Amino acid sequence: MIQLNSICKSFEGRTVLEDINFSFDNGKTNLIIGQSGSGKTVLMKCIVGLLTPECGEILYDGRNLLDMGKKEKKALRREMGMIFQSAALFDSLSVLENVMFPLDMFSNDTYRDRVKRAQFCLDRVNLIDAQSKYPGEISGGMQKRVAIARAIALQPKYLFCDEPNSGLDPKTSLVIDDLIHDITKEYNMTTIINTHDMNSVMGIGESILYIYQGHKEWEGTKDEVFNATNERLNNFIFASDLLQKVKKEENSKARKV
């Protein structure tokens, strides 16, 4: 579990985050959503230690990130997996070498064992046949799957995903969502996803934090979204005609029951 207590962050006197309290649970896909400029990216950077909030606590299973020294933070990062918006693969390394990269950096295993672990992770995302290819030789969706394989190579306790569906078509986005969701359950990780994708919200939003202008505006699950009375959340989630139609149908079914 990652728990946020009264997180505040400002830049040059401008408040970006104010009094954010939330708990990200183990074994769940926890989503941070909000409009551009709402503060969700800043919050994610605070959680992983790239930015330091002025006040509050960030507790990793009871350990406060803000009280840690360099040695403790380094050990904590060993427990983290990261999936970046652009996949962030090394073009000069093969798919297998990309997945092995964190193992080469942090693992004391033999080379043979590191290769076996990387191949296991590639097999888990159905890409074992692409291990000898280079990032430029595979599709964007496959690159995201390589990024997932690399992120779980060290068997992390915490998985962070920054817009994992960015630039992908809807069908491939669903594949990535399902993969992240399944891996979260399989490894019982605390997974945090920063996303604009409403399909992700409706598909895998087991725990959702909605931020509006630096404040926690709403929290709940994908099932609670349809009955939410928060006007700002509704305007954000149901901006499209299709989603408005879906909500009306769900509300109609609920009244009949």
Protein backbone atom coordinates (compact mmCIF):
# COMPACT_ATOMS: atom_id res chain seq x y z
CA MET A 1 0.00 0.00 0.00
CA ILE A 2 1.06 3.57 -0.72
CA GLN A 3 -0.62 6.15 1.47
CA LEU A 4 -0.65 9.91 0.89
CA ASN A 5 -1.26 12.15 3.89
CA SER A 6 -1.86 15.89 3.37
CA ILE A 7 0.44 16.24 0.35
CA CYS A 8 1.08 19.84 -0.75
CA LYS A 9 3.27 21.09 -3.58
CA SER A 10 3.82 24.53 -5.07
CA PHE A 11 6.08 26.17 -7.65
CA GLU A 12 7.20 29.77 -7.21
CA GLY A 13 4.32 30.54 -4.89
CA ARG A 14 1.69 28.85 -7.07
CA THR A 15 -0.08 25.94 -5.36
CA VAL A 16 -0.25 22.85 -7.58
CA LEU A 17 -1.32 20.25 -5.00
CA GLU A 18 -3.15 20.99 -1.78
CA ASP A 19 -3.96 18.56 1.04
CA ILE A 20 -4.08 15.36 -1.04
CA ASN A 21 -5.07 12.31 1.01
CA PHE A 22 -5.46 8.91 -0.61
CA SER A 23 -4.54 5.25 -0.23
CA PHE A 24 -3.39 3.12 -3.18
CA ASP A 25 -4.12 -0.51 -2.34
CA ASN A 26 -2.16 -3.69 -3.06
CA GLY A 27 -3.46 -5.91 -5.81
CA LYS A 28 -5.56 -3.15 -7.38
CA THR A 29 -5.24 -0.97 -10.45
CA ASN A 30 -5.30 2.50 -8.88
CA LEU A 31 -5.95 5.31 -11.35
CA ILE A 32 -5.15 9.02 -11.08
CA ILE A 33 -7.31 11.01 -13.48
CA GLY A 34 -7.93 14.68 -14.19
CA GLN A 35 -7.79 17.35 -16.84
CA SER A 36 -4.48 18.61 -18.22
CA GLY A 37 -2.95 20.92 -15.65
CA SER A 38 -4.91 19.39 -12.77
CA GLY A 39 -1.74 18.31 -10.95
CA LYS A 40 -1.85 14.55 -11.50
CA THR A 41 1.57 14.37 -13.17
CA VAL A 42 3.10 16.43 -10.36
CA LEU A 43 1.48 14.07 -7.86
CA MET A 44 2.93 11.03 -9.61
CA LYS A 45 6.39 12.63 -9.58
CA CYS A 46 6.05 13.31 -5.87
CA ILE A 47 5.05 9.71 -5.18
CA VAL A 48 8.09 8.28 -7.00
CA GLY A 49 10.47 10.82 -5.48
CA LEU A 50 11.22 12.98 -8.52
CA LEU A 51 9.69 15.98 -6.73
CA THR A 52 9.57 16.77 -3.02
CA PRO A 53 6.33 18.11 -1.53
CA GLU A 54 6.48 20.94 1.01
CA CYS A 55 4.35 19.04 3.50
CA GLY A 56 2.71 15.70 4.12
CA GLU A 57 3.73 12.05 4.11
CA ILE A 58 4.21 9.45 1.38
CA LEU A 59 4.12 6.06 3.08
CA TYR A 60 5.30 2.91 1.32
CA ASP A 61 3.88 0.18 3.53
CA GLY A 62 4.46 2.44 6.51
CA ARG A 63 7.86 3.80 5.39
CA ASN A 64 7.87 7.55 4.82
CA LEU A 65 9.66 8.39 1.57
CA LEU A 66 10.24 11.96 2.74
CA ASP A 67 12.23 10.81 5.78
CA MET A 68 14.50 8.42 3.86
CA GLY A 69 18.18 8.93 3.23
CA LYS A 70 19.93 8.17 -0.07
CA LYS A 71 20.61 4.54 0.84
CA GLU A 72 16.99 3.91 1.83
CA LYS A 73 15.65 5.60 -1.30
CA LYS A 74 17.95 3.51 -3.48
CA ALA A 75 16.65 0.35 -1.82
CA LEU A 76 13.06 1.52 -2.32
CA ARG A 77 13.64 2.19 -6.02
CA ARG A 78 14.72 -1.43 -6.30
CA GLU A 79 11.12 -2.26 -5.39
CA MET A 80 9.63 -0.03 -8.11
CA GLY A 81 8.73 -0.75 -11.72
CA MET A 82 8.12 2.06 -14.21
CA ILE A 83 6.22 2.17 -17.50
CA PHE A 84 6.77 5.46 -19.29
CA GLN A 85 4.46 7.21 -21.74
CA SER A 86 6.82 6.69 -24.67
CA ALA A 87 7.90 3.17 -23.61
CA ALA A 88 11.44 4.64 -23.30
CA LEU A 89 13.24 1.65 -24.77
CA PHE A 90 16.91 1.79 -25.78
CA ASP A 91 17.03 1.75 -29.58
CA SER A 92 20.53 0.27 -29.64
CA LEU A 93 19.56 -2.71 -27.46
CA SER A 94 17.54 -5.73 -28.51
CA VAL A 95 14.19 -6.47 -26.92
CA LEU A 96 15.83 -9.03 -24.64
CA GLU A 97 18.63 -6.64 -23.68
CA ASN A 98 16.08 -3.92 -22.87
CA VAL A 99 14.29 -6.24 -20.45
CA MET A 100 17.61 -7.33 -18.96
CA PHE A 101 18.71 -3.73 -18.36
CA PRO A 102 17.34 -3.38 -14.77
CA LEU A 103 18.58 -6.89 -13.98
CA ASP A 104 22.07 -5.95 -15.14
CA MET A 105 21.89 -2.80 -13.00
CA PHE A 106 20.49 -4.20 -9.76
CA SER A 107 20.59 -8.01 -9.74
CA ASN A 108 23.45 -10.14 -8.46
CA ASP A 109 22.24 -13.17 -10.43
CA THR A 110 24.44 -14.86 -12.99
CA TYR A 111 24.18 -13.81 -16.63
CA ARG A 112 22.39 -17.06 -17.43
CA ASP A 113 19.81 -16.48 -14.69
CA ARG A 114 19.28 -12.87 -15.81
CA VAL A 115 18.61 -14.07 -19.36
CA LYS A 116 16.15 -16.68 -18.06
CA ARG A 117 14.31 -14.07 -15.97
CA ALA A 118 14.11 -11.65 -18.92
CA GLN A 119 12.83 -14.40 -21.21
CA PHE A 120 10.23 -15.38 -18.60
CA CYS A 121 8.97 -11.77 -18.50
CA LEU A 122 8.86 -11.57 -22.29
CA ASP A 123 6.93 -14.81 -22.41
CA ARG A 124 4.51 -13.36 -19.84
CA VAL A 125 3.66 -10.52 -22.27
CA ASN A 126 3.62 -12.89 -25.28
CA LEU A 127 6.77 -11.48 -26.89
CA ILE A 128 9.32 -14.25 -26.48
CA ASP A 129 9.54 -14.63 -30.27
CA ALA A 130 10.58 -10.97 -30.59
CA GLN A 131 13.51 -11.14 -28.16
CA SER A 132 16.16 -10.70 -30.86
CA LYS A 133 14.43 -7.77 -32.56
CA TYR A 134 15.15 -4.10 -31.92
CA PRO A 135 12.56 -1.50 -30.82
CA GLY A 136 12.47 0.05 -34.28
CA GLU A 137 11.45 -3.30 -35.75
CA ILE A 138 8.30 -3.77 -33.63
CA SER A 139 4.99 -1.92 -33.32
CA GLY A 140 4.11 0.68 -30.69
CA GLY A 141 1.89 -1.80 -28.87
CA MET A 142 4.67 -4.36 -28.78
CA GLN A 143 7.06 -1.71 -27.46
CA LYS A 144 4.65 -1.03 -24.58
CA ARG A 145 4.56 -4.75 -23.81
CA VAL A 146 8.37 -4.82 -23.77
CA ALA A 147 8.22 -1.89 -21.33
CA ILE A 148 5.86 -3.90 -19.11
CA ALA A 149 8.20 -6.90 -19.24
CA ARG A 150 11.12 -4.67 -18.25
CA ALA A 151 9.07 -3.09 -15.45
CA ILE A 152 8.33 -6.46 -13.82
CA ALA A 153 11.81 -7.95 -14.34
CA LEU A 154 12.84 -7.21 -10.76
CA GLN A 155 9.50 -8.42 -9.37
CA PRO A 156 8.56 -4.98 -8.01
CA LYS A 157 6.14 -4.33 -5.16
CA TYR A 158 5.05 -1.05 -6.74
CA LEU A 159 4.28 -0.39 -10.43
CA PHE A 160 3.92 3.11 -11.87
CA CYS A 161 2.40 3.69 -15.31
CA ASP A 162 2.43 7.12 -16.94
CA GLU A 163 -0.19 7.26 -19.72
CA PRO A 164 0.54 3.64 -20.79
CA ASN A 165 -1.99 3.81 -23.65
CA SER A 166 -0.71 7.03 -25.17
CA GLY A 167 -0.49 6.78 -28.96
CA LEU A 168 -2.13 3.36 -29.16
CA ASP A 169 -5.27 2.37 -31.03
CA PRO A 170 -8.33 1.37 -28.91
CA LYS A 171 -7.88 -2.38 -29.45
CA THR A 172 -4.21 -2.33 -28.45
CA SER A 173 -5.04 -0.10 -25.48
CA LEU A 174 -7.42 -2.76 -24.19
CA VAL A 175 -4.66 -5.37 -24.49
CA ILE A 176 -2.28 -3.19 -22.47
CA ASP A 177 -4.96 -2.46 -19.84
CA ASP A 178 -5.78 -6.14 -19.42
CA LEU A 179 -2.10 -7.03 -19.19
CA ILE A 180 -1.39 -4.44 -16.49
CA HIS A 181 -4.50 -5.51 -14.58
CA ASP A 182 -3.62 -9.22 -14.76
CA ILE A 183 0.00 -8.66 -13.72
CA THR A 184 -1.13 -6.48 -10.82
CA LYS A 185 -3.29 -9.35 -9.52
CA GLU A 186 -0.66 -11.98 -10.23
CA TYR A 187 2.11 -10.21 -8.31
CA ASN A 188 -0.19 -8.43 -5.81
CA MET A 189 1.51 -5.15 -6.66
CA THR A 190 0.45 -1.63 -5.78
CA THR A 191 -0.16 -0.29 -9.27
CA ILE A 192 -0.71 3.42 -9.94
CA ILE A 193 -1.75 4.55 -13.42
CA ASN A 194 -1.80 8.17 -14.55
CA THR A 195 -4.27 8.29 -17.45
CA HIS A 196 -6.60 10.33 -19.66
CA ASP A 197 -8.10 7.20 -21.22
CA MET A 198 -11.75 6.84 -20.23
CA ASN A 199 -11.75 3.26 -21.53
CA SER A 200 -9.13 2.49 -18.89
CA VAL A 201 -11.27 4.15 -16.23
CA MET A 202 -14.32 2.08 -17.16
CA GLY A 203 -12.32 -1.09 -17.78
CA ILE A 204 -9.79 -1.44 -14.96
CA GLY A 205 -10.55 1.46 -12.58
CA GLU A 206 -10.71 -0.51 -9.33
CA SER A 207 -9.69 2.54 -7.32
CA ILE A 208 -9.90 6.03 -8.83
CA LEU A 209 -8.57 9.37 -7.62
CA TYR A 210 -9.96 12.37 -9.51
CA ILE A 211 -7.98 15.58 -9.11
CA TYR A 212 -9.35 19.01 -9.99
CA GLN A 213 -7.08 22.07 -9.83
CA GLY A 214 -4.76 20.44 -7.32
CA HIS A 215 -7.48 19.15 -4.99
CA LYS A 216 -8.88 15.68 -4.47
CA GLU A 217 -12.32 16.16 -5.99
CA TRP A 218 -13.62 12.58 -5.87
CA GLU A 219 -12.60 9.01 -5.15
CA GLY A 220 -14.31 5.72 -5.87
CA THR A 221 -14.45 2.77 -8.26
CA LYS A 222 -15.44 2.34 -11.90
CA ASP A 223 -18.81 1.00 -10.73
CA GLU A 224 -19.42 4.06 -8.56
CA VAL A 225 -18.67 6.45 -11.40
CA PHE A 226 -22.11 5.92 -12.94
CA ASN A 227 -23.89 6.97 -9.76
CA ALA A 228 -21.53 9.80 -8.84
CA THR A 229 -23.21 13.16 -8.20
CA ASN A 230 -20.02 15.21 -8.52
CA GLU A 231 -20.70 17.59 -11.41
CA ARG A 232 -17.04 18.18 -12.26
CA LEU A 233 -16.35 14.45 -12.38
CA ASN A 234 -19.38 13.87 -14.60
CA ASN A 235 -18.33 16.63 -16.97
CA PHE A 236 -14.87 15.10 -17.20
CA ILE A 237 -15.84 11.43 -17.50
CA PHE A 238 -18.95 11.79 -19.64
CA ALA A 239 -17.72 14.46 -22.02
CA SER A 240 -18.48 12.33 -25.08
CA ASP A 241 -22.01 11.62 -26.32
CA LEU A 242 -21.30 7.87 -26.24
CA LEU A 243 -20.36 7.83 -22.55
CA GLN A 244 -23.35 10.00 -21.70
CA LYS A 245 -25.55 7.42 -23.43
CA VAL A 246 -23.89 4.60 -21.49
CA LYS A 247 -24.49 6.39 -18.19
CA LYS A 248 -28.17 6.98 -19.02
CA GLU A 249 -28.58 3.28 -19.84
CA GLU A 250 -26.89 2.24 -16.58
CA ASN A 251 -29.06 4.61 -14.56
CA SER A 252 -32.15 3.30 -16.34
CA LYS A 253 -31.22 -0.30 -15.49
CA ALA A 254 -30.62 0.67 -11.85
CA ARG A 255 -34.09 2.25 -11.58
CA LYS A 256 -35.72 -0.90 -12.98
CA VAL A 257 -33.96 -3.06 -10.44
